[in-house]
């Protein structure tokens, strides 16, 4: 079955239906397995050895097929899950998690994010780009994260954009710039440096939720300079290390909120949180991820 985007009968909520199951044969992300995957980008050392690489997702959320609205009526809305889905292999070391890497190596991961987002923005029917990361290893035992595009804007992102635009229209200011000013002096402040601030948000949606926001008004990670990317790497490592002490067992999710393609302005930021039973794409962007179609569920329950 081709992955599909289906809208709920009654509310503005979308689900991705994907029945592709991970393979249990070896680790496709370890050095020596490069021929098993299709590479899209990499960062190498001076000897030509890859340090971080992005590959076409073997278990994709979206596919680069022709964009098509398959069914559209009042209660049935289906779009083929058009887009691009990539996996970022964060390290050569099969045993290391992101927060255990040196800041310089985390910086390389962020540089791959920035490069891929910049390139993917220019492709057809890309309205939204998401970056999701967790340490549950549901598809690979190796440390990895995902970048994907969608031809629609998830409702949760629409709400953030509408709030941003409404605040800007009424005050001629950026809501996130004002949040930074308030939280820099408040009881929810955790840490800050020259480029970023990290704090526990006033109204969290998850346990141990932390926001990281650039102090300068950047719309996307691809706008950061080299020093700022390194500073962001240090900030992420610092927060993840603190969370690893506070949460037992340490299970977390991380999502990036970037300017959607059709928007002129935004203030990009990152949310890190304690993992629940929901997929990270649901916790971060409000998109459901279903691994078995309702048609197959009905077959099973009918006893076919």
C-alpha atoms as a PDB file:
ATOM      1  CA  UNK A   1       0.000   0.000   0.000  1.00  0.00           C
ATOM      2  CA  UNK A   2       1.254   3.482  -0.925  1.00  0.00           C
ATOM      3  CA  UNK A   3       1.506   5.751   2.115  1.00  0.00           C
ATOM      4  CA  UNK A   4      -1.494   8.065   2.396  1.00  0.00           C
ATOM      5  CA  UNK A   5      -2.476  11.232   4.226  1.00  0.00           C
ATOM      6  CA  UNK A   6      -6.053  10.969   5.486  1.00  0.00           C
ATOM      7  CA  UNK A   7      -8.048  13.681   7.192  1.00  0.00           C
ATOM      8  CA  UNK A   8     -10.330  12.948  10.139  1.00  0.00           C
ATOM      9  CA  UNK A   9     -14.098  12.827   9.499  1.00  0.00           C
ATOM     10  CA  UNK A  10     -14.914  15.693  11.828  1.00  0.00           C
ATOM     11  CA  UNK A  11     -11.830  17.664  12.935  1.00  0.00           C
ATOM     12  CA  UNK A  12      -8.825  19.178  11.168  1.00  0.00           C
ATOM     13  CA  UNK A  13      -6.440  16.354  12.011  1.00  0.00           C
ATOM     14  CA  UNK A  14      -4.370  14.317   9.560  1.00  0.00           C
ATOM     15  CA  UNK A  15      -2.989  10.791   9.775  1.00  0.00           C
ATOM     16  CA  UNK A  16      -0.174   9.163   7.818  1.00  0.00           C
ATOM     17  CA  UNK A  17      -0.915   5.535   6.982  1.00  0.00           C
ATOM     18  CA  UNK A  18       2.314   3.591   6.546  1.00  0.00           C
ATOM     19  CA  UNK A  19       2.415  -0.207   6.616  1.00  0.00           C
ATOM     20  CA  UNK A  20       6.145  -0.559   5.848  1.00  0.00           C
ATOM     21  CA  UNK A  21       7.745  -2.610   8.621  1.00  0.00           C
ATOM     22  CA  UNK A  22      11.439  -2.362   9.622  1.00  0.00           C
ATOM     23  CA  UNK A  23      13.757  -5.216   8.687  1.00  0.00           C
ATOM     24  CA  UNK A  24      15.616  -7.079  11.423  1.00  0.00           C
ATOM     25  CA  UNK A  25      18.582  -7.943   9.173  1.00  0.00           C
ATOM     26  CA  UNK A  26      21.716  -6.170  10.450  1.00  0.00           C
ATOM     27  CA  UNK A  27      22.257  -2.445  10.896  1.00  0.00           C
ATOM     28  CA  UNK A  28      21.872  -0.534   7.636  1.00  0.00           C
ATOM     29  CA  UNK A  29      23.353   2.616   9.222  1.00  0.00           C
ATOM     30  CA  UNK A  30      26.722   1.310  10.415  1.00  0.00           C
ATOM     31  CA  UNK A  31      29.966   1.878   8.476  1.00  0.00           C
ATOM     32  CA  UNK A  32      30.373  -0.878   5.921  1.00  0.00           C
ATOM     33  CA  UNK A  33      26.662  -0.942   5.071  1.00  0.00           C
ATOM     34  CA  UNK A  34      26.641   2.156   2.881  1.00  0.00           C
ATOM     35  CA  UNK A  35      25.679   0.203  -0.253  1.00  0.00           C
ATOM     36  CA  UNK A  36      22.383  -0.768   1.432  1.00  0.00           C
ATOM     37  CA  UNK A  37      21.139   2.835   1.398  1.00  0.00           C
ATOM     38  CA  UNK A  38      20.844   5.746  -1.032  1.00  0.00           C
ATOM     39  CA  UNK A  39      22.886   8.709   0.204  1.00  0.00           C
ATOM     40  CA  UNK A  40      21.658  12.295  -0.214  1.00  0.00           C
ATOM     41  CA  UNK A  41      24.322  14.250   1.702  1.00  0.00           C
ATOM     42  CA  UNK A  42      27.296  13.702   3.998  1.00  0.00           C
ATOM     43  CA  UNK A  43      29.960  15.443   6.046  1.00  0.00           C
ATOM     44  CA  UNK A  44      33.421  13.894   5.843  1.00  0.00           C
ATOM     45  CA  UNK A  45      36.694  14.218   7.715  1.00  0.00           C
ATOM     46  CA  UNK A  46      39.935  15.215   5.991  1.00  0.00           C
ATOM     47  CA  UNK A  47      40.573  11.602   4.967  1.00  0.00           C
ATOM     48  CA  UNK A  48      37.212  11.266   3.202  1.00  0.00           C
ATOM     49  CA  UNK A  49      35.557   9.190   5.928  1.00  0.00           C
ATOM     50  CA  UNK A  50      31.923  10.120   6.520  1.00  0.00           C
ATOM     51  CA  UNK A  51      31.041  11.516   9.926  1.00  0.00           C
ATOM     52  CA  UNK A  52      27.325  12.204   9.430  1.00  0.00           C
ATOM     53  CA  UNK A  53      25.245  11.261   6.417  1.00  0.00           C
ATOM     54  CA  UNK A  54      21.655  11.583   5.246  1.00  0.00           C
ATOM     55  CA  UNK A  55      19.990   8.814   3.267  1.00  0.00           C
ATOM     56  CA  UNK A  56      16.673   8.133   1.564  1.00  0.00           C
ATOM     57  CA  UNK A  57      14.429   6.762   4.314  1.00  0.00           C
ATOM     58  CA  UNK A  58      13.976   2.968   3.963  1.00  0.00           C
ATOM     59  CA  UNK A  59      10.752   3.308   6.018  1.00  0.00           C
ATOM     60  CA  UNK A  60       9.495   6.629   4.646  1.00  0.00           C
ATOM     61  CA  UNK A  61       6.728   8.827   5.958  1.00  0.00           C
ATOM     62  CA  UNK A  62       6.313  10.349   2.490  1.00  0.00           C
ATOM     63  CA  UNK A  63       7.217   9.328  -1.073  1.00  0.00           C
ATOM     64  CA  UNK A  64       8.410  11.430  -4.067  1.00  0.00           C
ATOM     65  CA  UNK A  65       5.489  10.275  -6.205  1.00  0.00           C
ATOM     66  CA  UNK A  66       3.244  12.557  -8.220  1.00  0.00           C
ATOM     67  CA  UNK A  67       1.155  14.742  -5.930  1.00  0.00           C
ATOM     68  CA  UNK A  68      -2.487  13.709  -6.174  1.00  0.00           C
ATOM     69  CA  UNK A  69      -5.659  14.288  -4.214  1.00  0.00           C
ATOM     70  CA  UNK A  70      -7.047  10.750  -4.314  1.00  0.00           C
ATOM     71  CA  UNK A  71     -10.423  11.393  -2.736  1.00  0.00           C
ATOM     72  CA  UNK A  72     -12.043  14.601  -1.583  1.00  0.00           C
ATOM     73  CA  UNK A  73     -15.536  15.031  -0.224  1.00  0.00           C
ATOM     74  CA  UNK A  74     -17.119  16.206   2.989  1.00  0.00           C
ATOM     75  CA  UNK A  75     -16.093  13.294   5.186  1.00  0.00           C
ATOM     76  CA  UNK A  76     -13.447  11.453   3.120  1.00  0.00           C
ATOM     77  CA  UNK A  77     -10.280  13.427   2.304  1.00  0.00           C
ATOM     78  CA  UNK A  78      -7.251  11.469   1.066  1.00  0.00           C
ATOM     79  CA  UNK A  79      -3.963  12.654  -0.409  1.00  0.00           C
ATOM     80  CA  UNK A  80      -1.123  10.384  -1.431  1.00  0.00           C
ATOM     81  CA  UNK A  81       1.714  10.998   1.042  1.00  0.00           C
ATOM     82  CA  UNK A  82       3.755  12.991  -1.464  1.00  0.00           C
ATOM     83  CA  UNK A  83       7.096  14.320  -0.292  1.00  0.00           C
ATOM     84  CA  UNK A  84      10.610  13.353   0.657  1.00  0.00           C
ATOM     85  CA  UNK A  85      11.631  11.428   3.755  1.00  0.00           C
ATOM     86  CA  UNK A  86      15.258  11.090   4.824  1.00  0.00           C
ATOM     87  CA  UNK A  87      17.164   9.549   7.714  1.00  0.00           C
ATOM     88  CA  UNK A  88      20.118  11.386   9.239  1.00  0.00           C
ATOM     89  CA  UNK A  89      22.747   8.940  10.519  1.00  0.00           C
ATOM     90  CA  UNK A  90      24.127  10.935  13.430  1.00  0.00           C
ATOM     91  CA  UNK A  91      27.360   9.079  14.111  1.00  0.00           C
ATOM     92  CA  UNK A  92      29.527   6.207  12.908  1.00  0.00           C
ATOM     93  CA  UNK A  93      29.472   4.748  16.429  1.00  0.00           C
ATOM     94  CA  UNK A  94      26.653   2.220  16.825  1.00  0.00           C
ATOM     95  CA  UNK A  95      26.815   2.470  20.631  1.00  0.00           C
ATOM     96  CA  UNK A  96      26.535   6.255  21.073  1.00  0.00           C
ATOM     97  CA  UNK A  97      23.417   8.399  21.528  1.00  0.00           C
ATOM     98  CA  UNK A  98      23.220  12.016  20.376  1.00  0.00           C
ATOM     99  CA  UNK A  99      23.710  13.529  23.843  1.00  0.00           C
ATOM    100  CA  UNK A 100      26.814  11.390  24.359  1.00  0.00           C
ATOM    101  CA  UNK A 101      28.570  12.878  21.324  1.00  0.00           C
ATOM    102  CA  UNK A 102      30.973  15.842  21.601  1.00  0.00           C
ATOM    103  CA  UNK A 103      29.431  19.209  20.701  1.00  0.00           C
ATOM    104  CA  UNK A 104      31.506  19.312  17.506  1.00  0.00           C
ATOM    105  CA  UNK A 105      29.883  16.075  16.317  1.00  0.00           C
ATOM    106  CA  UNK A 106      26.378  17.295  17.232  1.00  0.00           C
ATOM    107  CA  UNK A 107      27.207  20.413  15.228  1.00  0.00           C
ATOM    108  CA  UNK A 108      27.778  18.188  12.174  1.00  0.00           C
ATOM    109  CA  UNK A 109      24.323  16.654  12.656  1.00  0.00           C
ATOM    110  CA  UNK A 110      22.784  20.137  12.757  1.00  0.00           C
ATOM    111  CA  UNK A 111      24.735  21.164   9.658  1.00  0.00           C
ATOM    112  CA  UNK A 112      23.218  18.204   7.797  1.00  0.00           C
ATOM    113  CA  UNK A 113      19.738  19.294   8.973  1.00  0.00           C
ATOM    114  CA  UNK A 114      20.412  22.827   7.684  1.00  0.00           C
ATOM    115  CA  UNK A 115      21.753  21.640   4.331  1.00  0.00           C
ATOM    116  CA  UNK A 116      18.917  19.214   3.677  1.00  0.00           C
ATOM    117  CA  UNK A 117      16.188  21.678   4.708  1.00  0.00           C
ATOM    118  CA  UNK A 118      17.668  24.312   2.400  1.00  0.00           C
ATOM    119  CA  UNK A 119      17.666  21.900  -0.540  1.00  0.00           C
ATOM    120  CA  UNK A 120      14.273  20.309   0.124  1.00  0.00           C
ATOM    121  CA  UNK A 121      12.567  23.726   0.256  1.00  0.00           C
ATOM    122  CA  UNK A 122      13.104  24.057  -3.483  1.00  0.00           C
ATOM    123  CA  UNK A 123      11.230  20.884  -4.436  1.00  0.00           C
ATOM    124  CA  UNK A 124       7.690  20.682  -5.778  1.00  0.00           C
ATOM    125  CA  UNK A 125       4.649  20.670  -3.495  1.00  0.00           C
ATOM    126  CA  UNK A 126       6.651  21.165  -0.304  1.00  0.00           C
ATOM    127  CA  UNK A 127       4.549  23.131   2.132  1.00  0.00           C
ATOM    128  CA  UNK A 128       5.975  21.823   5.390  1.00  0.00           C
ATOM    129  CA  UNK A 129       9.361  20.449   6.506  1.00  0.00           C
ATOM    130  CA  UNK A 130       9.658  18.554   9.772  1.00  0.00           C
ATOM    131  CA  UNK A 131      12.650  17.324  11.749  1.00  0.00           C
ATOM    132  CA  UNK A 132      11.979  14.694  14.404  1.00  0.00           C
ATOM    133  CA  UNK A 133      14.337  12.887  16.749  1.00  0.00           C
ATOM    134  CA  UNK A 134      13.897  10.404  19.584  1.00  0.00           C
ATOM    135  CA  UNK A 135      15.917   7.623  21.203  1.00  0.00           C
ATOM    136  CA  UNK A 136      13.365   4.809  21.053  1.00  0.00           C
ATOM    137  CA  UNK A 137      15.096   3.050  18.105  1.00  0.00           C
ATOM    138  CA  UNK A 138      11.839   1.830  16.624  1.00  0.00           C
ATOM    139  CA  UNK A 139      13.334   1.397  13.144  1.00  0.00           C
ATOM    140  CA  UNK A 140      17.106   1.287  13.658  1.00  0.00           C
ATOM    141  CA  UNK A 141      19.249   0.448  16.679  1.00  0.00           C
ATOM    142  CA  UNK A 142      21.714   3.114  15.518  1.00  0.00           C
ATOM    143  CA  UNK A 143      21.280   6.791  16.534  1.00  0.00           C
ATOM    144  CA  UNK A 144      19.252   8.573  13.847  1.00  0.00           C
ATOM    145  CA  UNK A 145      16.719  11.304  13.173  1.00  0.00           C
ATOM    146  CA  UNK A 146      14.295  12.048  10.337  1.00  0.00           C
ATOM    147  CA  UNK A 147      13.654  14.944   7.982  1.00  0.00           C
ATOM    148  CA  UNK A 148      10.473  14.855   5.916  1.00  0.00           C
ATOM    149  CA  UNK A 149       8.289  17.091   3.785  1.00  0.00           C
ATOM    150  CA  UNK A 150       4.506  17.286   3.429  1.00  0.00           C
ATOM    151  CA  UNK A 151       2.269  18.843   0.760  1.00  0.00           C
ATOM    152  CA  UNK A 152      -0.021  20.153   3.513  1.00  0.00           C
ATOM    153  CA  UNK A 153       0.377  22.223   6.667  1.00  0.00           C
ATOM    154  CA  UNK A 154      -0.546  20.229   9.800  1.00  0.00           C
ATOM    155  CA  UNK A 155      -3.291  21.852  11.860  1.00  0.00           C
ATOM    156  CA  UNK A 156      -1.042  22.227  14.888  1.00  0.00           C
ATOM    157  CA  UNK A 157       1.466  24.163  12.769  1.00  0.00           C
ATOM    158  CA  UNK A 158      -1.343  26.280  11.296  1.00  0.00           C
ATOM    159  CA  UNK A 159      -2.284  27.286  14.839  1.00  0.00           C
ATOM    160  CA  UNK A 160       1.297  28.324  15.615  1.00  0.00           C
ATOM    161  CA  UNK A 161       1.556  30.313  12.384  1.00  0.00           C
ATOM    162  CA  UNK A 162      -1.827  31.982  12.925  1.00  0.00           C
ATOM    163  CA  UNK A 163      -0.852  32.940  16.480  1.00  0.00           C
ATOM    164  CA  UNK A 164       2.477  34.302  15.223  1.00  0.00           C
ATOM    165  CA  UNK A 165       0.833  36.356  12.448  1.00  0.00           C
ATOM    166  CA  UNK A 166      -1.968  37.611  14.682  1.00  0.00           C
ATOM    167  CA  UNK A 167       0.458  38.774  17.377  1.00  0.00           C
ATOM    168  CA  UNK A 168       2.653  40.460  14.760  1.00  0.00           C
ATOM    169  CA  UNK A 169      -0.347  42.218  13.195  1.00  0.00           C
ATOM    170  CA  UNK A 170      -1.609  43.540  16.547  1.00  0.00           C
ATOM    171  CA  UNK A 171       1.724  44.488  18.146  1.00  0.00           C
ATOM    172  CA  UNK A 172       4.168  44.798  15.224  1.00  0.00           C
ATOM    173  CA  UNK A 173       6.415  42.482  17.221  1.00  0.00           C
ATOM    174  CA  UNK A 174       7.382  38.789  17.165  1.00  0.00           C
ATOM    175  CA  UNK A 175       5.668  36.702  19.817  1.00  0.00           C
ATOM    176  CA  UNK A 176       8.762  34.528  20.258  1.00  0.00           C
ATOM    177  CA  UNK A 177      11.078  37.513  20.650  1.00  0.00           C
ATOM    178  CA  UNK A 178       8.752  38.751  23.404  1.00  0.00           C
ATOM    179  CA  UNK A 179       8.631  35.273  24.985  1.00  0.00           C
ATOM    180  CA  UNK A 180      12.447  35.337  25.171  1.00  0.00           C
ATOM    181  CA  UNK A 181      12.388  38.665  27.015  1.00  0.00           C
ATOM    182  CA  UNK A 182       9.854  37.378  29.542  1.00  0.00           C
ATOM    183  CA  UNK A 183      11.375  33.951  30.155  1.00  0.00           C
ATOM    184  CA  UNK A 184      14.948  35.259  30.432  1.00  0.00           C
ATOM    185  CA  UNK A 185      14.045  36.716  33.842  1.00  0.00           C
ATOM    186  CA  UNK A 186      11.433  34.219  34.999  1.00  0.00           C
ATOM    187  CA  UNK A 187      11.322  31.121  37.192  1.00  0.00           C
ATOM    188  CA  UNK A 188      11.189  28.815  34.136  1.00  0.00           C
ATOM    189  CA  UNK A 189      14.601  29.917  32.815  1.00  0.00           C
ATOM    190  CA  UNK A 190      17.101  27.025  32.537  1.00  0.00           C
ATOM    191  CA  UNK A 191      20.128  28.343  30.659  1.00  0.00           C
ATOM    192  CA  UNK A 192      21.245  30.736  27.964  1.00  0.00           C
ATOM    193  CA  UNK A 193      24.321  31.774  26.021  1.00  0.00           C
ATOM    194  CA  UNK A 194      25.156  34.380  23.391  1.00  0.00           C
ATOM    195  CA  UNK A 195      22.855  32.840  20.783  1.00  0.00           C
ATOM    196  CA  UNK A 196      20.152  30.715  22.466  1.00  0.00           C
ATOM    197  CA  UNK A 197      17.899  30.517  25.482  1.00  0.00           C
ATOM    198  CA  UNK A 198      16.366  27.363  26.982  1.00  0.00           C
ATOM    199  CA  UNK A 199      13.393  27.352  29.343  1.00  0.00           C
ATOM    200  CA  UNK A 200      10.458  25.247  30.513  1.00  0.00           C
ATOM    201  CA  UNK A 201       7.382  26.672  28.710  1.00  0.00           C
ATOM    202  CA  UNK A 202       4.582  28.289  30.729  1.00  0.00           C
ATOM    203  CA  UNK A 203       1.971  25.789  29.479  1.00  0.00           C
ATOM    204  CA  UNK A 204       3.727  22.519  28.583  1.00  0.00           C
ATOM    205  CA  UNK A 205       2.073  19.825  26.486  1.00  0.00           C
ATOM    206  CA  UNK A 206       4.495  17.104  27.646  1.00  0.00           C
ATOM    207  CA  UNK A 207       6.411  16.259  30.818  1.00  0.00           C
ATOM    208  CA  UNK A 208       9.917  17.748  31.092  1.00  0.00           C
ATOM    209  CA  UNK A 209       9.231  19.950  28.074  1.00  0.00           C
ATOM    210  CA  UNK A 210      11.979  22.428  27.182  1.00  0.00           C
ATOM    211  CA  UNK A 211      12.030  25.060  24.443  1.00  0.00           C
ATOM    212  CA  UNK A 212      15.229  26.272  22.794  1.00  0.00           C
ATOM    213  CA  UNK A 213      14.908  29.532  20.846  1.00  0.00           C
ATOM    214  CA  UNK A 214      17.565  31.567  19.017  1.00  0.00           C
ATOM    215  CA  UNK A 215      17.875  35.068  20.467  1.00  0.00           C
ATOM    216  CA  UNK A 216      18.149  36.537  16.980  1.00  0.00           C
ATOM    217  CA  UNK A 217      15.063  36.407  14.788  1.00  0.00           C
ATOM    218  CA  UNK A 218      15.867  33.495  12.479  1.00  0.00           C
ATOM    219  CA  UNK A 219      13.130  31.730  10.533  1.00  0.00           C
ATOM    220  CA  UNK A 220      15.038  28.493   9.899  1.00  0.00           C
ATOM    221  CA  UNK A 221      18.067  26.538  11.068  1.00  0.00           C
ATOM    222  CA  UNK A 222      19.611  27.051   7.625  1.00  0.00           C
ATOM    223  CA  UNK A 223      20.098  30.759   8.447  1.00  0.00           C
ATOM    224  CA  UNK A 224      22.503  30.135  11.339  1.00  0.00           C
ATOM    225  CA  UNK A 225      26.207  30.803  10.867  1.00  0.00           C
ATOM    226  CA  UNK A 226      28.887  28.289  11.792  1.00  0.00           C
ATOM    227  CA  UNK A 227      29.423  29.635  15.306  1.00  0.00           C
ATOM    228  CA  UNK A 228      25.687  29.702  16.000  1.00  0.00           C
ATOM    229  CA  UNK A 229      25.286  26.099  14.855  1.00  0.00           C
ATOM    230  CA  UNK A 230      28.067  25.078  17.247  1.00  0.00           C
ATOM    231  CA  UNK A 231      26.399  27.063  20.046  1.00  0.00           C
ATOM    232  CA  UNK A 232      23.100  25.313  19.300  1.00  0.00           C
ATOM    233  CA  UNK A 233      24.903  21.954  19.456  1.00  0.00           C
ATOM    234  CA  UNK A 234      26.261  22.871  22.898  1.00  0.00           C
ATOM    235  CA  UNK A 235      22.800  23.977  24.036  1.00  0.00           C
ATOM    236  CA  UNK A 236      21.102  20.769  22.871  1.00  0.00           C
ATOM    237  CA  UNK A 237      23.813  18.618  24.467  1.00  0.00           C
ATOM    238  CA  UNK A 238      23.487  20.546  27.739  1.00  0.00           C
ATOM    239  CA  UNK A 239      19.697  20.142  27.893  1.00  0.00           C
ATOM    240  CA  UNK A 240      19.747  16.457  26.891  1.00  0.00           C
ATOM    241  CA  UNK A 241      22.443  15.736  29.491  1.00  0.00           C
ATOM    242  CA  UNK A 242      20.358  17.417  32.215  1.00  0.00           C
ATOM    243  CA  UNK A 243      17.260  15.495  31.101  1.00  0.00           C
ATOM    244  CA  UNK A 244      19.181  12.196  31.118  1.00  0.00           C
ATOM    245  CA  UNK A 245      19.795  12.731  34.840  1.00  0.00           C
ATOM    246  CA  UNK A 246      16.217  13.799  35.606  1.00  0.00           C
ATOM    247  CA  UNK A 247      14.337  11.157  33.573  1.00  0.00           C
ATOM    248  CA  UNK A 248      14.658   7.442  34.305  1.00  0.00           C
ATOM    249  CA  UNK A 249      14.518   5.631  31.966  1.00  0.00           C
ATOM    250  CA  UNK A 250      15.760   8.393  29.693  1.00  0.00           C
ATOM    251  CA  UNK A 251      13.374   8.501  26.726  1.00  0.00           C
ATOM    252  CA  UNK A 252      12.988  11.790  24.898  1.00  0.00           C
ATOM    253  CA  UNK A 253      11.698  13.368  21.724  1.00  0.00           C
ATOM    254  CA  UNK A 254      12.890  16.478  19.888  1.00  0.00           C
ATOM    255  CA  UNK A 255      11.151  18.429  17.107  1.00  0.00           C
ATOM    256  CA  UNK A 256      12.105  21.506  15.094  1.00  0.00           C
ATOM    257  CA  UNK A 257       9.575  24.202  14.155  1.00  0.00           C
ATOM    258  CA  UNK A 258      10.717  25.926  10.948  1.00  0.00           C
ATOM    259  CA  UNK A 259       9.114  28.527   8.701  1.00  0.00           C
ATOM    260  CA  UNK A 260       6.633  26.817   6.358  1.00  0.00           C
ATOM    261  CA  UNK A 261       7.360  27.362   2.684  1.00  0.00           C
ATOM    262  CA  UNK A 262       4.391  29.636   1.973  1.00  0.00           C
ATOM    263  CA  UNK A 263       5.041  31.891   4.982  1.00  0.00           C
ATOM    264  CA  UNK A 264       7.266  34.964   4.783  1.00  0.00           C
ATOM    265  CA  UNK A 265       8.202  35.088   8.452  1.00  0.00           C
ATOM    266  CA  UNK A 266       8.478  32.972  11.594  1.00  0.00           C
ATOM    267  CA  UNK A 267      10.868  32.471  14.523  1.00  0.00           C
ATOM    268  CA  UNK A 268      12.216  28.930  14.457  1.00  0.00           C
ATOM    269  CA  UNK A 269      12.526  26.998  17.702  1.00  0.00           C
ATOM    270  CA  UNK A 270      13.003  23.516  19.109  1.00  0.00           C
ATOM    271  CA  UNK A 271      10.967  21.479  21.572  1.00  0.00           C
ATOM    272  CA  UNK A 272      12.499  18.665  23.641  1.00  0.00           C
ATOM    273  CA  UNK A 273      10.333  16.532  25.926  1.00  0.00           C
ATOM    274  CA  UNK A 274       9.965  13.252  27.776  1.00  0.00           C
ATOM    275  CA  UNK A 275       8.639  10.568  25.446  1.00  0.00           C
ATOM    276  CA  UNK A 276       5.184   9.093  25.878  1.00  0.00           C
ATOM    277  CA  UNK A 277       3.600   6.197  24.016  1.00  0.00           C
ATOM    278  CA  UNK A 278       2.682   8.455  21.078  1.00  0.00           C
ATOM    279  CA  UNK A 279       4.872   8.721  17.960  1.00  0.00           C
ATOM    280  CA  UNK A 280       7.140  11.773  18.050  1.00  0.00           C
ATOM    281  CA  UNK A 281       5.462  13.142  14.910  1.00  0.00           C
ATOM    282  CA  UNK A 282       2.177  13.203  16.865  1.00  0.00           C
ATOM    283  CA  UNK A 283       3.675  14.900  19.915  1.00  0.00           C
ATOM    284  CA  UNK A 284       5.527  17.464  17.841  1.00  0.00           C
ATOM    285  CA  UNK A 285       3.250  18.267  14.920  1.00  0.00           C
ATOM    286  CA  UNK A 286      -0.125  16.739  15.756  1.00  0.00           C
ATOM    287  CA  UNK A 287       0.072  14.188  12.920  1.00  0.00           C
ATOM    288  CA  UNK A 288      -1.067  10.650  13.684  1.00  0.00           C
ATOM    289  CA  UNK A 289       1.071   7.768  12.446  1.00  0.00           C
ATOM    290  CA  UNK A 290      -0.777   4.510  11.832  1.00  0.00           C
ATOM    291  CA  UNK A 291       1.069   1.305  10.952  1.00  0.00           C
ATOM    292  CA  UNK A 292      -2.003  -0.643   9.855  1.00  0.00           C
ATOM    293  CA  UNK A 293      -4.753   0.665   7.596  1.00  0.00           C
ATOM    294  CA  UNK A 294      -8.381   0.753   8.814  1.00  0.00           C
ATOM    295  CA  UNK A 295      -9.296  -1.485   5.872  1.00  0.00           C
ATOM    296  CA  UNK A 296      -6.886  -4.161   7.136  1.00  0.00           C
ATOM    297  CA  UNK A 297      -8.081  -3.680  10.713  1.00  0.00           C
ATOM    298  CA  UNK A 298     -11.625  -4.335   9.517  1.00  0.00           C
ATOM    299  CA  UNK A 299     -10.479  -7.482   7.658  1.00  0.00           C
ATOM    300  CA  UNK A 300      -8.786  -8.820  10.789  1.00  0.00           C
ATOM    301  CA  UNK A 301     -11.744  -8.086  13.027  1.00  0.00           C
ATOM    302  CA  UNK A 302     -14.174  -9.617  10.515  1.00  0.00           C
ATOM    303  CA  UNK A 303     -12.069 -12.771  10.684  1.00  0.00           C
ATOM    304  CA  UNK A 304     -11.005 -12.734   7.007  1.00  0.00           C
END
